[in-house]
Amino acid sequence: MDLTLPFDRTRRRRIYLMRHAEAQYIQPDGTRATDSRLVPLTERGQREAAAMGELLADVPFDRAICSGLTRTRETAAIVLNGRKLDVAIMPELEEIRGGDPIARAKLSPVDYAYAMFQAGEPGACFAAGEPFQEFVDRVVPAFTKITNDPGWSTLLLVAHGGVNRAILTDITSASLTAFGAFEQDSACLNLIDVDTCLDSGAVLRRVLRGINITADDPLKRTRRLTSMEGMTKRLVEAGAFESGGGKD
């Protein structure tokens, strides 16, 4: 439900921006999934998404979008819980792409765990793959297209940790050096209000109302490692890095 503000003939709408729930990047045998685009949610991820669905049960969504990768499709379906609402696909919001397994294996665990904190370095790439600046250059215009669309009032957008960081840094006018500061736990929620001029249709303001809210653990008692630290820990245990457990 949108709100007409009394000060400057502006319509306020809301985006519920989620990261997908926990996905099965690590196979039962300890190896990394060969294609992260296809990984499903874990059982824990299904519970996380269900908890967020309960939290959002009374939200009157009139539009839903996801990146189209399996983990975002599954998360959106669980959160919407049978609502008669089609989920549109926006491939531009797919997660930042790492390098091939051989290139990843040559990284040090430290560089992998804290890759998001290196985003502001000249020419920085994520996990020997997609350059951060090129990634932002595909995500931000796609998000702008969403905010400029007047056809929704309350939107569920299910994306990825890197995608959400790109959106949050853009909203806050932060540079890529701030990328690592916007932690995105699995199945987390960010609240963004978008103020649109009733006369011109231009977006006048974007208001950040909440960051990294997790329905199953709002005080983060069980979440002390970041998502990338947790992933790196599991990969180290599986022997996925040539350099072992320390930085070269």
Protein backbone atom coordinates (compact mmCIF):
# COMPACT_ATOMS: atom_id res chain seq x y z
CA MET A 1 0.00 0.00 0.00
CA ASP A 2 1.52 3.31 -1.02
CA LEU A 3 1.31 6.63 0.81
CA THR A 4 0.75 10.12 -0.59
CA LEU A 5 2.94 12.56 1.30
CA PRO A 6 1.49 15.96 2.28
CA PHE A 7 4.57 18.07 1.53
CA ASP A 8 5.53 17.81 -2.14
CA ARG A 9 2.88 15.72 -3.98
CA THR A 10 4.95 12.59 -3.66
CA ARG A 11 3.88 8.94 -3.65
CA ARG A 12 5.82 6.67 -1.28
CA ARG A 13 6.16 3.00 -2.20
CA ARG A 14 8.09 0.21 -0.51
CA ILE A 15 10.56 -2.44 -1.66
CA TYR A 16 11.18 -5.51 0.46
CA LEU A 17 14.65 -6.48 -0.77
CA MET A 18 15.70 -9.99 0.28
CA ARG A 19 18.75 -12.12 -0.10
CA HIS A 20 17.87 -15.73 -0.93
CA ALA A 21 17.90 -18.25 1.90
CA GLU A 22 20.82 -20.61 2.57
CA ALA A 23 21.74 -22.54 -0.57
CA GLN A 24 23.57 -25.82 -1.06
CA TYR A 25 26.85 -24.48 -2.41
CA ILE A 26 28.68 -27.30 -0.61
CA GLN A 27 27.68 -30.84 -1.58
CA PRO A 28 27.21 -33.61 1.02
CA ASP A 29 30.67 -34.97 0.12
CA GLY A 30 32.23 -31.60 1.02
CA THR A 31 32.93 -30.46 -2.53
CA ARG A 32 31.67 -27.21 -4.02
CA ALA A 33 28.70 -27.41 -6.38
CA THR A 34 29.87 -27.42 -10.00
CA ASP A 35 27.30 -24.80 -11.06
CA SER A 36 26.19 -22.35 -8.36
CA ARG A 37 23.46 -21.09 -10.68
CA LEU A 38 21.56 -24.33 -10.14
CA VAL A 39 21.98 -24.95 -6.41
CA PRO A 40 18.74 -25.39 -4.43
CA LEU A 41 18.04 -24.25 -0.89
CA THR A 42 19.20 -26.37 2.00
CA GLU A 43 16.72 -27.61 4.60
CA ARG A 44 17.89 -24.79 6.85
CA GLY A 45 17.36 -22.37 3.97
CA GLN A 46 13.79 -23.58 3.55
CA ARG A 47 13.18 -22.91 7.25
CA GLU A 48 14.75 -19.44 6.97
CA ALA A 49 12.53 -18.54 4.02
CA ALA A 50 9.45 -19.87 5.84
CA ALA A 51 10.26 -17.72 8.88
CA MET A 52 10.53 -14.66 6.66
CA GLY A 53 7.27 -15.63 4.98
CA GLU A 54 5.57 -15.64 8.38
CA LEU A 55 7.01 -12.21 9.16
CA LEU A 56 5.74 -10.83 5.85
CA ALA A 57 2.42 -12.68 5.83
CA ASP A 58 0.35 -9.49 6.14
CA VAL A 59 2.33 -7.42 3.63
CA PRO A 60 0.12 -6.66 0.58
CA PHE A 61 2.61 -7.39 -2.20
CA ASP A 62 1.40 -6.40 -5.66
CA ARG A 63 4.64 -7.21 -7.51
CA ALA A 64 7.39 -9.78 -7.05
CA ILE A 65 10.73 -10.06 -8.87
CA CYS A 66 13.69 -12.39 -8.53
CA SER A 67 16.94 -12.93 -10.42
CA GLY A 68 15.76 -16.24 -11.84
CA LEU A 69 18.47 -18.39 -10.29
CA THR A 70 17.10 -21.47 -8.53
CA ARG A 71 17.80 -20.23 -5.02
CA THR A 72 15.91 -16.97 -5.56
CA ARG A 73 12.96 -18.71 -7.22
CA GLU A 74 12.63 -21.14 -4.31
CA THR A 75 12.98 -18.38 -1.70
CA ALA A 76 10.34 -16.22 -3.36
CA ALA A 77 7.91 -19.15 -3.64
CA ILE A 78 8.25 -20.00 0.05
CA VAL A 79 7.94 -16.38 1.20
CA LEU A 80 4.86 -15.76 -0.95
CA ASN A 81 3.36 -19.03 0.33
CA GLY A 82 0.78 -19.65 -2.36
CA ARG A 83 -0.24 -16.07 -3.06
CA LYS A 84 -1.62 -15.59 -6.55
CA LEU A 85 1.26 -13.39 -7.65
CA ASP A 86 3.54 -14.08 -10.59
CA VAL A 87 7.27 -13.70 -9.92
CA ALA A 88 8.97 -11.78 -12.75
CA ILE A 89 12.54 -12.69 -13.71
CA MET A 90 15.27 -10.06 -14.10
CA PRO A 91 18.54 -11.76 -15.15
CA GLU A 92 20.53 -8.53 -14.71
CA LEU A 93 20.16 -9.14 -10.97
CA GLU A 94 21.99 -12.45 -11.01
CA GLU A 95 24.81 -12.72 -8.49
CA ILE A 96 28.34 -11.54 -9.19
CA ARG A 97 30.20 -14.31 -11.02
CA GLY A 98 33.36 -15.88 -9.66
CA GLY A 99 36.07 -17.45 -11.74
CA ASP A 100 36.36 -21.10 -12.73
CA PRO A 101 37.25 -23.71 -10.07
CA ILE A 102 40.94 -23.71 -11.01
CA ALA A 103 41.21 -19.92 -10.64
CA ARG A 104 39.27 -20.00 -7.35
CA ALA A 105 41.52 -22.71 -5.93
CA LYS A 106 44.55 -20.47 -6.42
CA LEU A 107 43.06 -17.78 -4.18
CA SER A 108 44.04 -17.61 -0.53
CA PRO A 109 41.23 -18.25 1.96
CA VAL A 110 41.71 -14.72 3.30
CA ASP A 111 41.21 -13.16 -0.10
CA TYR A 112 38.11 -15.27 -0.69
CA ALA A 113 36.56 -14.61 2.73
CA TYR A 114 37.06 -10.85 2.46
CA ALA A 115 36.58 -10.38 -1.29
CA MET A 116 33.74 -7.91 -0.72
CA PHE A 117 36.10 -5.67 1.26
CA GLN A 118 38.45 -5.53 -1.74
CA ALA A 119 35.77 -4.25 -4.12
CA GLY A 120 37.07 -0.68 -4.05
CA GLU A 121 40.58 -1.60 -5.14
CA PRO A 122 41.47 -0.66 -8.76
CA GLY A 123 40.40 -3.42 -11.15
CA ALA A 124 39.17 -5.67 -8.33
CA CYS A 125 37.33 -8.84 -9.36
CA PHE A 126 35.23 -11.23 -7.29
CA ALA A 127 36.93 -14.60 -6.78
CA ALA A 128 39.02 -14.25 -9.96
CA GLY A 129 35.85 -13.62 -11.95
CA GLU A 130 33.59 -10.65 -12.70
CA PRO A 131 35.03 -7.18 -12.00
CA PHE A 132 33.11 -5.41 -9.24
CA GLN A 133 32.65 -2.23 -11.26
CA GLU A 134 31.19 -4.13 -14.23
CA PHE A 135 28.89 -5.95 -11.83
CA VAL A 136 27.60 -2.70 -10.34
CA ASP A 137 27.17 -1.31 -13.84
CA ARG A 138 24.69 -4.09 -14.68
CA VAL A 139 22.86 -4.20 -11.34
CA VAL A 140 22.23 -0.51 -10.64
CA PRO A 141 20.49 0.28 -13.98
CA ALA A 142 18.25 -2.76 -13.49
CA PHE A 143 17.30 -1.58 -10.01
CA THR A 144 16.70 1.94 -11.33
CA LYS A 145 14.36 0.46 -13.94
CA ILE A 146 12.39 -1.16 -11.13
CA THR A 147 12.12 2.03 -9.08
CA ASN A 148 11.11 4.04 -12.15
CA ASP A 149 8.23 1.66 -12.93
CA PRO A 150 5.02 3.24 -11.54
CA GLY A 151 3.06 -0.01 -11.76
CA TRP A 152 3.67 -1.32 -8.26
CA SER A 153 3.11 -0.15 -4.69
CA THR A 154 4.63 -2.92 -2.55
CA LEU A 155 7.35 -5.02 -4.11
CA LEU A 156 9.14 -8.21 -3.06
CA LEU A 157 12.57 -8.39 -4.67
CA VAL A 158 14.59 -11.57 -4.01
CA ALA A 159 18.21 -11.27 -5.10
CA HIS A 160 21.69 -12.05 -3.80
CA GLY A 161 24.25 -10.81 -1.30
CA GLY A 162 26.41 -9.04 -3.87
CA VAL A 163 23.41 -7.64 -5.73
CA ASN A 164 21.95 -6.23 -2.55
CA ARG A 165 25.29 -4.67 -1.62
CA ALA A 166 25.40 -2.95 -5.02
CA ILE A 167 21.89 -1.59 -4.46
CA LEU A 168 22.61 -0.46 -0.90
CA THR A 169 25.85 1.29 -1.81
CA ASP A 170 24.03 3.10 -4.61
CA ILE A 171 21.18 4.21 -2.34
CA THR A 172 23.60 5.53 0.26
CA SER A 173 25.86 7.17 -2.37
CA ALA A 174 28.73 5.07 -1.02
CA SER A 175 31.68 3.98 -3.14
CA LEU A 176 32.78 0.42 -3.73
CA THR A 177 35.04 0.73 -0.70
CA ALA A 178 31.87 0.36 1.42
CA PHE A 179 30.80 -2.87 -0.31
CA GLY A 180 32.01 -5.14 2.46
CA ALA A 181 30.28 -3.20 5.23
CA PHE A 182 26.77 -4.14 4.06
CA GLU A 183 26.62 -7.72 5.32
CA GLN A 184 23.75 -9.76 3.87
CA ASP A 185 22.90 -12.88 5.85
CA SER A 186 20.95 -15.67 4.19
CA ALA A 187 17.21 -14.87 3.91
CA CYS A 188 17.79 -11.34 5.17
CA LEU A 189 15.49 -8.42 4.46
CA ASN A 190 16.22 -4.78 3.61
CA LEU A 191 13.49 -2.13 3.56
CA ILE A 192 13.63 0.64 0.96
CA ASP A 193 11.03 3.37 0.44
CA VAL A 194 10.85 5.05 -2.96
CA ASP A 195 9.33 8.54 -3.26
CA THR A 196 7.95 9.34 -6.72
CA CYS A 197 6.62 12.72 -7.86
CA LEU A 198 2.92 12.51 -8.74
CA ASP A 199 3.30 15.18 -11.43
CA SER A 200 6.48 14.17 -13.26
CA GLY A 201 6.88 10.53 -12.26
CA ALA A 202 10.49 11.17 -11.27
CA VAL A 203 12.00 9.39 -8.28
CA LEU A 204 12.82 12.14 -5.81
CA ARG A 205 14.06 10.16 -2.83
CA ARG A 206 15.00 6.66 -1.75
CA VAL A 207 14.82 6.05 1.99
CA LEU A 208 16.63 3.14 3.63
CA ARG A 209 14.45 1.86 6.49
CA GLY A 210 16.14 -1.40 7.46
CA ILE A 211 19.22 -3.50 6.63
CA ASN A 212 19.99 -7.22 6.99
CA ILE A 213 16.93 -8.15 9.07
CA THR A 214 16.70 -11.90 9.71
CA ALA A 215 13.34 -13.29 10.84
CA ASP A 216 14.74 -16.40 12.53
CA ASP A 217 17.49 -14.59 14.46
CA PRO A 218 16.86 -10.83 14.61
CA LEU A 219 19.58 -10.18 17.20
CA LYS A 220 22.17 -12.25 15.27
CA ARG A 221 22.95 -14.42 18.29
CA THR A 222 23.80 -17.40 16.06
CA ARG A 223 25.30 -15.35 13.23
CA ARG A 224 28.82 -14.27 14.17
CA LEU A 225 30.62 -15.20 10.95
CA THR A 226 29.78 -13.33 7.77
CA SER A 227 28.32 -15.34 4.89
CA MET A 228 31.64 -15.29 3.03
CA GLU A 229 33.58 -16.31 6.17
CA GLY A 230 31.23 -19.24 6.70
CA MET A 231 31.54 -20.32 3.08
CA THR A 232 35.34 -20.05 3.18
CA LYS A 233 35.50 -22.06 6.40
CA ARG A 234 33.59 -24.92 4.78
CA LEU A 235 35.75 -24.76 1.65
CA VAL A 236 38.96 -24.85 3.71
CA GLU A 237 37.65 -27.93 5.54
CA ALA A 238 36.98 -29.51 2.13
CA GLY A 239 40.54 -28.74 0.95
CA ALA A 240 39.33 -26.45 -1.83
CA PHE A 241 42.28 -24.00 -1.66
CA GLU A 242 45.75 -24.83 -2.90
CA SER A 243 47.26 -22.48 -0.30
CA GLY A 244 45.63 -24.18 2.66
CA GLY A 245 44.26 -22.19 5.58
CA GLY A 246 46.46 -19.09 5.55
CA LYS A 247 47.18 -16.14 3.30
CA ASP A 248 50.00 -16.52 0.80
